[in-house]
PDB file of all heavy atoms in Angstrom:
ATOM      1  N   GLU A   1      -4.795  10.529  31.284  1.00  0.00           N
ATOM      2  CA  GLU A   1      -3.414  11.045  31.147  1.00  0.00           C
ATOM      3  C   GLU A   1      -2.705  11.207  32.408  1.00  0.00           C
ATOM      4  O   GLU A   1      -1.485  10.985  32.499  1.00  0.00           O
ATOM      5  CB  GLU A   1      -3.545  12.373  30.327  1.00  0.00           C
ATOM      6  CG  GLU A   1      -2.218  12.860  29.713  1.00  0.00           C
ATOM      7  CD  GLU A   1      -1.327  13.515  30.746  1.00  0.00           C
ATOM      8  OE1 GLU A   1      -1.856  14.130  31.678  1.00  0.00           O
ATOM      9  OE2 GLU A   1      -0.050  13.494  30.518  1.00  0.00           O
ATOM     10  N   ARG A   2      -3.433  11.602  33.482  1.00  0.00           N
ATOM     11  CA  ARG A   2      -2.770  11.823  34.807  1.00  0.00           C
ATOM     12  C   ARG A   2      -2.198  10.526  35.342  1.00  0.00           C
ATOM     13  O   ARG A   2      -1.014  10.538  35.736  1.00  0.00           O
ATOM     14  CB  ARG A   2      -3.832  12.367  35.763  1.00  0.00           C
ATOM     15  CG  ARG A   2      -3.253  12.727  37.124  1.00  0.00           C
ATOM     16  CD  ARG A   2      -4.342  13.391  37.980  1.00  0.00           C
ATOM     17  NE  ARG A   2      -4.838  14.573  37.430  1.00  0.00           N
ATOM     18  CZ  ARG A   2      -5.913  15.222  37.906  1.00  0.00           C
ATOM     19  NH1 ARG A   2      -6.620  14.703  38.972  1.00  0.00           N
ATOM     20  NH2 ARG A   2      -6.279  16.342  37.383  1.00  0.00           N
ATOM     21  N   VAL A   3      -2.894   9.399  35.296  1.00  0.00           N
ATOM     22  CA  VAL A   3      -2.408   8.154  35.786  1.00  0.00           C
ATOM     23  C   VAL A   3      -1.338   7.609  34.869  1.00  0.00           C
ATOM     24  O   VAL A   3      -0.328   7.033  35.313  1.00  0.00           O
ATOM     25  CB  VAL A   3      -3.538   7.162  35.955  1.00  0.00           C
ATOM     26  CG1 VAL A   3      -3.003   5.761  36.370  1.00  0.00           C
ATOM     27  CG2 VAL A   3      -4.511   7.646  37.079  1.00  0.00           C
ATOM     28  N   ALA A   4      -1.505   7.767  33.581  1.00  0.00           N
ATOM     29  CA  ALA A   4      -0.556   7.316  32.587  1.00  0.00           C
ATOM     30  C   ALA A   4       0.796   8.009  32.839  1.00  0.00           C
ATOM     31  O   ALA A   4       1.829   7.380  32.830  1.00  0.00           O
ATOM     32  CB  ALA A   4      -0.993   7.549  31.182  1.00  0.00           C
ATOM     33  N   ARG A   5       0.777   9.311  33.043  1.00  0.00           N
ATOM     34  CA  ARG A   5       2.003  10.060  33.234  1.00  0.00           C
ATOM     35  C   ARG A   5       2.678   9.654  34.589  1.00  0.00           C
ATOM     36  O   ARG A   5       3.929   9.524  34.562  1.00  0.00           O
ATOM     37  CB  ARG A   5       1.677  11.580  33.346  1.00  0.00           C
ATOM     38  CG  ARG A   5       2.873  12.462  33.423  1.00  0.00           C
ATOM     39  CD  ARG A   5       2.572  13.960  33.326  1.00  0.00           C
ATOM     40  NE  ARG A   5       1.712  14.373  34.428  1.00  0.00           N
ATOM     41  CZ  ARG A   5       0.467  14.676  34.398  1.00  0.00           C
ATOM     42  NH1 ARG A   5      -0.186  14.619  33.220  1.00  0.00           N
ATOM     43  NH2 ARG A   5      -0.193  15.094  35.483  1.00  0.00           N
ATOM     44  N   GLN A   6       1.909   9.329  35.596  1.00  0.00           N
ATOM     45  CA  GLN A   6       2.478   8.858  36.853  1.00  0.00           C
ATOM     46  C   GLN A   6       3.222   7.534  36.655  1.00  0.00           C
ATOM     47  O   GLN A   6       4.160   7.212  37.430  1.00  0.00           O
ATOM     48  CB  GLN A   6       1.377   8.659  37.918  1.00  0.00           C
ATOM     49  CG  GLN A   6       0.782  10.022  38.368  1.00  0.00           C
ATOM     50  CD  GLN A   6      -0.465   9.778  39.197  1.00  0.00           C
ATOM     51  OE1 GLN A   6      -0.937   8.656  39.330  1.00  0.00           O
ATOM     52  NE2 GLN A   6      -1.045  10.881  39.754  1.00  0.00           N
ATOM     53  N   ASN A   7       2.843   6.748  35.605  1.00  0.00           N
ATOM     54  CA  ASN A   7       3.466   5.467  35.427  1.00  0.00           C
ATOM     55  C   ASN A   7       4.414   5.472  34.220  1.00  0.00           C
ATOM     56  O   ASN A   7       4.804   4.457  33.735  1.00  0.00           O
ATOM     57  CB  ASN A   7       2.385   4.405  35.169  1.00  0.00           C
ATOM     58  CG  ASN A   7       1.600   4.054  36.439  1.00  0.00           C
ATOM     59  OD1 ASN A   7       2.025   3.178  37.227  1.00  0.00           O
ATOM     60  ND2 ASN A   7       0.531   4.737  36.755  1.00  0.00           N
ATOM     61  N   GLY A   8       4.779   6.680  33.748  1.00  0.00           N
ATOM     62  CA  GLY A   8       5.747   6.828  32.697  1.00  0.00           C
ATOM     63  C   GLY A   8       5.177   6.353  31.316  1.00  0.00           C
ATOM     64  O   GLY A   8       5.963   5.921  30.479  1.00  0.00           O
ATOM     65  N   LEU A   9       3.882   6.449  31.144  1.00  0.00           N
ATOM     66  CA  LEU A   9       3.219   6.003  29.931  1.00  0.00           C
ATOM     67  C   LEU A   9       2.657   7.200  29.155  1.00  0.00           C
ATOM     68  O   LEU A   9       2.467   8.307  29.681  1.00  0.00           O
ATOM     69  CB  LEU A   9       2.119   5.035  30.280  1.00  0.00           C
ATOM     70  CG  LEU A   9       2.551   3.798  31.104  1.00  0.00           C
ATOM     71  CD1 LEU A   9       1.331   3.008  31.497  1.00  0.00           C
ATOM     72  CD2 LEU A   9       3.490   2.988  30.387  1.00  0.00           C
ATOM     73  N   SER A  10       2.287   6.936  27.901  1.00  0.00           N
ATOM     74  CA  SER A  10       1.633   7.870  27.023  1.00  0.00           C
ATOM     75  C   SER A  10       0.261   7.383  26.677  1.00  0.00           C
ATOM     76  O   SER A  10      -0.033   6.235  26.760  1.00  0.00           O
ATOM     77  CB  SER A  10       2.530   8.078  25.738  1.00  0.00           C
ATOM     78  OG  SER A  10       3.737   8.600  26.041  1.00  0.00           O
ATOM     79  N   VAL A  11      -0.596   8.341  26.207  1.00  0.00           N
ATOM     80  CA  VAL A  11      -1.958   8.027  25.886  1.00  0.00           C
ATOM     81  C   VAL A  11      -2.122   8.345  24.358  1.00  0.00           C
ATOM     82  O   VAL A  11      -1.760   9.389  23.883  1.00  0.00           O
ATOM     83  CB  VAL A  11      -2.914   8.921  26.645  1.00  0.00           C
ATOM     84  CG1 VAL A  11      -4.403   8.574  26.246  1.00  0.00           C
ATOM     85  CG2 VAL A  11      -2.761   8.678  28.185  1.00  0.00           C
ATOM     86  N   ILE A  12      -2.744   7.349  23.661  1.00  0.00           N
ATOM     87  CA  ILE A  12      -3.126   7.551  22.294  1.00  0.00           C
ATOM     88  C   ILE A  12      -4.637   7.546  22.191  1.00  0.00           C
ATOM     89  O   ILE A  12      -5.354   6.768  22.844  1.00  0.00           O
ATOM     90  CB  ILE A  12      -2.576   6.414  21.401  1.00  0.00           C
ATOM     91  CG1 ILE A  12      -2.974   6.638  19.957  1.00  0.00           C
ATOM     92  CG2 ILE A  12      -3.009   5.043  21.887  1.00  0.00           C
ATOM     93  CD1 ILE A  12      -2.325   5.681  18.982  1.00  0.00           C
ATOM     94  N   LEU A  13      -5.167   8.565  21.487  1.00  0.00           N
ATOM     95  CA  LEU A  13      -6.614   8.797  21.386  1.00  0.00           C
ATOM     96  C   LEU A  13      -7.130   8.240  20.058  1.00  0.00           C
ATOM     97  O   LEU A  13      -6.540   8.513  19.044  1.00  0.00           O
ATOM     98  CB  LEU A  13      -6.953  10.255  21.523  1.00  0.00           C
ATOM     99  CG  LEU A  13      -6.471  10.943  22.795  1.00  0.00           C
ATOM    100  CD1 LEU A  13      -6.896  12.445  22.726  1.00  0.00           C
ATOM    101  CD2 LEU A  13      -7.030  10.319  24.032  1.00  0.00           C
ATOM    102  N   THR A  14      -8.219   7.521  20.143  1.00  0.00           N
ATOM    103  CA  THR A  14      -8.827   6.910  18.897  1.00  0.00           C
ATOM    104  C   THR A  14     -10.302   7.284  18.927  1.00  0.00           C
ATOM    105  O   THR A  14     -10.995   7.044  19.918  1.00  0.00           O
ATOM    106  CB  THR A  14      -8.649   5.401  18.873  1.00  0.00           C
ATOM    107  OG1 THR A  14      -7.277   5.055  18.863  1.00  0.00           O
ATOM    108  CG2 THR A  14      -9.284   4.810  17.595  1.00  0.00           C
ATOM    109  N   GLU A  15     -10.860   7.675  17.774  1.00  0.00           N
ATOM    110  CA  GLU A  15     -12.252   7.951  17.606  1.00  0.00           C
ATOM    111  C   GLU A  15     -12.871   6.821  16.652  1.00  0.00           C
ATOM    112  O   GLU A  15     -12.345   6.701  15.535  1.00  0.00           O
ATOM    113  CB  GLU A  15     -12.485   9.365  16.987  1.00  0.00           C
ATOM    114  CG  GLU A  15     -13.935   9.724  17.041  1.00  0.00           C
ATOM    115  CD  GLU A  15     -14.118  11.240  16.591  1.00  0.00           C
ATOM    116  OE1 GLU A  15     -13.584  11.550  15.458  1.00  0.00           O
ATOM    117  OE2 GLU A  15     -14.718  12.017  17.320  1.00  0.00           O
ATOM    118  N   SER A  16     -13.855   6.152  17.160  1.00  0.00           N
ATOM    119  CA  SER A  16     -14.324   5.005  16.371  1.00  0.00           C
ATOM    120  C   SER A  16     -15.732   4.618  16.810  1.00  0.00           C
ATOM    121  O   SER A  16     -16.068   4.679  18.035  1.00  0.00           O
ATOM    122  CB  SER A  16     -13.417   3.787  16.556  1.00  0.00           C
ATOM    123  OG  SER A  16     -13.883   2.681  15.860  1.00  0.00           O
ATOM    124  N   GLY A  17     -16.591   4.253  15.842  1.00  0.00           N
ATOM    125  CA  GLY A  17     -17.843   3.628  16.213  1.00  0.00           C
ATOM    126  C   GLY A  17     -18.887   4.636  16.709  1.00  0.00           C
ATOM    127  O   GLY A  17     -18.793   5.833  16.510  1.00  0.00           O
ATOM    128  N   ASP A  18     -19.896   4.004  17.405  1.00  0.00           N
ATOM    129  CA  ASP A  18     -20.963   4.865  18.065  1.00  0.00           C
ATOM    130  C   ASP A  18     -20.850   4.632  19.562  1.00  0.00           C
ATOM    131  O   ASP A  18     -19.943   4.054  20.083  1.00  0.00           O
ATOM    132  CB  ASP A  18     -22.345   4.497  17.497  1.00  0.00           C
ATOM    133  CG  ASP A  18     -22.654   3.032  17.604  1.00  0.00           C
ATOM    134  OD1 ASP A  18     -22.165   2.362  18.575  1.00  0.00           O
ATOM    135  OD2 ASP A  18     -23.448   2.532  16.830  1.00  0.00           O
ATOM    136  N   ARG A  19     -21.918   5.109  20.301  1.00  0.00           N
ATOM    137  CA  ARG A  19     -21.815   5.056  21.748  1.00  0.00           C
ATOM    138  C   ARG A  19     -21.908   3.664  22.285  1.00  0.00           C
ATOM    139  O   ARG A  19     -21.658   3.380  23.484  1.00  0.00           O
ATOM    140  CB  ARG A  19     -22.890   5.934  22.422  1.00  0.00           C
ATOM    141  CG  ARG A  19     -24.297   5.516  22.051  1.00  0.00           C
ATOM    142  CD  ARG A  19     -25.320   6.421  22.718  1.00  0.00           C
ATOM    143  NE  ARG A  19     -26.677   6.162  22.285  1.00  0.00           N
ATOM    144  CZ  ARG A  19     -27.315   6.847  21.347  1.00  0.00           C
ATOM    145  NH1 ARG A  19     -26.669   7.801  20.727  1.00  0.00           N
ATOM    146  NH2 ARG A  19     -28.558   6.541  21.013  1.00  0.00           N
ATOM    147  N   HIS A  20     -22.273   2.658  21.473  1.00  0.00           N
ATOM    148  CA  HIS A  20     -22.429   1.271  21.914  1.00  0.00           C
ATOM    149  C   HIS A  20     -21.189   0.490  21.765  1.00  0.00           C
ATOM    150  O   HIS A  20     -20.789  -0.299  22.650  1.00  0.00           O
ATOM    151  CB  HIS A  20     -23.578   0.610  21.151  1.00  0.00           C
ATOM    152  CG  HIS A  20     -24.895   1.259  21.433  1.00  0.00           C
ATOM    153  ND1 HIS A  20     -25.505   1.189  22.658  1.00  0.00           N
ATOM    154  CD2 HIS A  20     -25.695   1.980  20.644  1.00  0.00           C
ATOM    155  CE1 HIS A  20     -26.686   1.855  22.576  1.00  0.00           C
ATOM    156  NE2 HIS A  20     -26.797   2.335  21.359  1.00  0.00           N
ATOM    157  N   SER A  21     -20.444   0.600  20.645  1.00  0.00           N
ATOM    158  CA  SER A  21     -19.190  -0.201  20.498  1.00  0.00           C
ATOM    159  C   SER A  21     -18.309   0.490  19.412  1.00  0.00           C
ATOM    160  O   SER A  21     -18.827   1.220  18.601  1.00  0.00           O
ATOM    161  CB  SER A  21     -19.559  -1.602  20.069  1.00  0.00           C
ATOM    162  OG  SER A  21     -20.292  -1.588  18.856  1.00  0.00           O
ATOM    163  N   PRO A  22     -17.042   0.194  19.416  1.00  0.00           N
ATOM    164  CA  PRO A  22     -16.178   0.729  18.386  1.00  0.00           C
ATOM    165  C   PRO A  22     -16.479   0.074  17.083  1.00  0.00           C
ATOM    166  O   PRO A  22     -17.085  -0.997  16.990  1.00  0.00           O
ATOM    167  CB  PRO A  22     -14.780   0.364  18.859  1.00  0.00           C
ATOM    168  CG  PRO A  22     -14.919  -0.827  19.800  1.00  0.00           C
ATOM    169  CD  PRO A  22     -16.295  -0.610  20.432  1.00  0.00           C
ATOM    170  N   ALA A  23     -16.053   0.687  15.992  1.00  0.00           N
ATOM    171  CA  ALA A  23     -16.277   0.203  14.616  1.00  0.00           C
ATOM    172  C   ALA A  23     -15.536  -1.151  14.414  1.00  0.00           C
ATOM    173  O   ALA A  23     -14.558  -1.381  15.082  1.00  0.00           O
ATOM    174  CB  ALA A  23     -15.802   1.232  13.617  1.00  0.00           C
ATOM    175  N   PRO A  24     -16.059  -1.981  13.592  1.00  0.00           N
ATOM    176  CA  PRO A  24     -15.389  -3.357  13.389  1.00  0.00           C
ATOM    177  C   PRO A  24     -13.976  -3.259  13.014  1.00  0.00           C
ATOM    178  O   PRO A  24     -13.174  -4.169  13.404  1.00  0.00           O
ATOM    179  CB  PRO A  24     -16.301  -3.961  12.220  1.00  0.00           C
ATOM    180  CG  PRO A  24     -17.594  -3.274  12.342  1.00  0.00           C
ATOM    181  CD  PRO A  24     -17.320  -1.863  12.731  1.00  0.00           C
ATOM    182  N   ASP A  25     -13.553  -2.263  12.242  1.00  0.00           N
ATOM    183  CA  ASP A  25     -12.120  -2.240  11.804  1.00  0.00           C
ATOM    184  C   ASP A  25     -11.223  -1.675  12.836  1.00  0.00           C
ATOM    185  O   ASP A  25      -9.993  -1.642  12.710  1.00  0.00           O
ATOM    186  CB  ASP A  25     -12.030  -1.369  10.523  1.00  0.00           C
ATOM    187  CG  ASP A  25     -12.477   0.043  10.701  1.00  0.00           C
ATOM    188  OD1 ASP A  25     -13.041   0.401  11.804  1.00  0.00           O
ATOM    189  OD2 ASP A  25     -12.297   0.850   9.777  1.00  0.00           O
ATOM    190  N   TRP A  26     -11.720  -1.254  14.032  1.00  0.00           N
ATOM    191  CA  TRP A  26     -10.916  -0.715  15.055  1.00  0.00           C
ATOM    192  C   TRP A  26      -9.962  -1.764  15.574  1.00  0.00           C
ATOM    193  O   TRP A  26      -8.772  -1.484  15.854  1.00  0.00           O
ATOM    194  CB  TRP A  26     -11.752  -0.209  16.202  1.00  0.00           C
ATOM    195  CG  TRP A  26     -10.959   0.020  17.470  1.00  0.00           C
ATOM    196  CD1 TRP A  26     -10.184   1.023  17.801  1.00  0.00           C
ATOM    197  CD2 TRP A  26     -10.917  -0.932  18.658  1.00  0.00           C
ATOM    198  NE1 TRP A  26      -9.606   0.866  19.042  1.00  0.00           N
ATOM    199  CE2 TRP A  26     -10.075  -0.316  19.553  1.00  0.00           C
ATOM    200  CE3 TRP A  26     -11.588  -2.107  18.948  1.00  0.00           C
ATOM    201  CZ2 TRP A  26      -9.846  -0.901  20.827  1.00  0.00           C
ATOM    202  CZ3 TRP A  26     -11.316  -2.708  20.122  1.00  0.00           C
ATOM    203  CH2 TRP A  26     -10.419  -2.117  21.094  1.00  0.00           C
ATOM    204  N   ILE A  27     -10.379  -3.031  15.647  1.00  0.00           N
ATOM    205  CA  ILE A  27      -9.563  -4.050  16.264  1.00  0.00           C
ATOM    206  C   ILE A  27      -8.214  -4.229  15.527  1.00  0.00           C
ATOM    207  O   ILE A  27      -7.184  -4.525  16.147  1.00  0.00           O
ATOM    208  CB  ILE A  27     -10.322  -5.356  16.409  1.00  0.00           C
ATOM    209  CG1 ILE A  27      -9.572  -6.350  17.317  1.00  0.00           C
ATOM    210  CG2 ILE A  27     -10.512  -5.969  15.016  1.00  0.00           C
ATOM    211  CD1 ILE A  27      -9.573  -5.960  18.764  1.00  0.00           C
ATOM    212  N   LYS A  28      -8.264  -4.118  14.209  1.00  0.00           N
ATOM    213  CA  LYS A  28      -7.024  -4.275  13.415  1.00  0.00           C
ATOM    214  C   LYS A  28      -5.990  -3.264  13.838  1.00  0.00           C
ATOM    215  O   LYS A  28      -4.756  -3.593  14.033  1.00  0.00           O
ATOM    216  CB  LYS A  28      -7.360  -4.132  11.926  1.00  0.00           C
ATOM    217  CG  LYS A  28      -6.087  -4.297  11.054  1.00  0.00           C
ATOM    218  CD  LYS A  28      -6.464  -4.175   9.549  1.00  0.00           C
ATOM    219  CE  LYS A  28      -5.238  -4.352   8.675  1.00  0.00           C
ATOM    220  NZ  LYS A  28      -5.515  -4.200   7.225  1.00  0.00           N
ATOM    221  N   GLY A  29      -6.401  -2.005  14.041  1.00  0.00           N
ATOM    222  CA  GLY A  29      -5.431  -0.979  14.415  1.00  0.00           C
ATOM    223  C   GLY A  29      -4.886  -1.205  15.791  1.00  0.00           C
ATOM    224  O   GLY A  29      -3.633  -1.064  16.021  1.00  0.00           O
ATOM    225  N   VAL A  30      -5.726  -1.604  16.771  1.00  0.00           N
ATOM    226  CA  VAL A  30      -5.235  -1.786  18.122  1.00  0.00           C
ATOM    227  C   VAL A  30      -4.285  -2.991  18.199  1.00  0.00           C
ATOM    228  O   VAL A  30      -3.298  -2.984  18.967  1.00  0.00           O
ATOM    229  CB  VAL A  30      -6.393  -1.913  19.130  1.00  0.00           C
ATOM    230  CG1 VAL A  30      -7.019  -3.250  19.125  1.00  0.00           C
ATOM    231  CG2 VAL A  30      -5.886  -1.613  20.531  1.00  0.00           C
ATOM    232  N   LEU A  31      -4.535  -4.023  17.407  1.00  0.00           N
ATOM    233  CA  LEU A  31      -3.628  -5.180  17.404  1.00  0.00           C
ATOM    234  C   LEU A  31      -2.277  -4.836  16.823  1.00  0.00           C
ATOM    235  O   LEU A  31      -1.277  -5.381  17.215  1.00  0.00           O
ATOM    236  CB  LEU A  31      -4.268  -6.333  16.716  1.00  0.00           C
ATOM    237  CG  LEU A  31      -5.537  -6.936  17.299  1.00  0.00           C
ATOM    238  CD1 LEU A  31      -6.001  -8.184  16.577  1.00  0.00           C
ATOM    239  CD2 LEU A  31      -5.390  -7.167  18.833  1.00  0.00           C
ATOM    240  N   GLN A  32      -2.306  -3.915  15.857  1.00  0.00           N
ATOM    241  CA  GLN A  32      -1.016  -3.469  15.259  1.00  0.00           C
ATOM    242  C   GLN A  32      -0.292  -2.584  16.274  1.00  0.00           C
ATOM    243  O   GLN A  32       0.966  -2.640  16.340  1.00  0.00           O
ATOM    244  CB  GLN A  32      -1.284  -2.700  13.952  1.00  0.00           C
ATOM    245  CG  GLN A  32      -1.817  -3.564  12.858  1.00  0.00           C
ATOM    246  CD  GLN A  32      -2.194  -2.747  11.617  1.00  0.00           C
ATOM    247  OE1 GLN A  32      -2.513  -1.583  11.722  1.00  0.00           O
ATOM    248  NE2 GLN A  32      -2.257  -3.430  10.455  1.00  0.00           N
ATOM    249  N   ARG A  33      -0.969  -1.719  17.030  1.00  0.00           N
ATOM    250  CA  ARG A  33      -0.333  -0.818  17.959  1.00  0.00           C
ATOM    251  C   ARG A  33       0.161  -1.495  19.216  1.00  0.00           C
ATOM    252  O   ARG A  33       1.090  -1.083  19.862  1.00  0.00           O
ATOM    253  CB  ARG A  33      -1.298   0.384  18.266  1.00  0.00           C
ATOM    254  CG  ARG A  33      -1.528   1.279  17.158  1.00  0.00           C
ATOM    255  CD  ARG A  33      -2.404   2.459  17.541  1.00  0.00           C
ATOM    256  NE  ARG A  33      -3.787   2.075  17.764  1.00  0.00           N
ATOM    257  CZ  ARG A  33      -4.716   2.031  16.844  1.00  0.00           C
ATOM    258  NH1 ARG A  33      -4.435   2.309  15.573  1.00  0.00           N
ATOM    259  NH2 ARG A  33      -5.960   1.744  17.161  1.00  0.00           N
TER     260      ARG A  33
END
């Protein structure tokens, strides 16, 4: 958030998957966003 704010950006938080990789359906959401 600190670096994002310095660059005029916002941060979106997503919870997905386990400690190894995000869940398979995560990619659909990120491509939409």
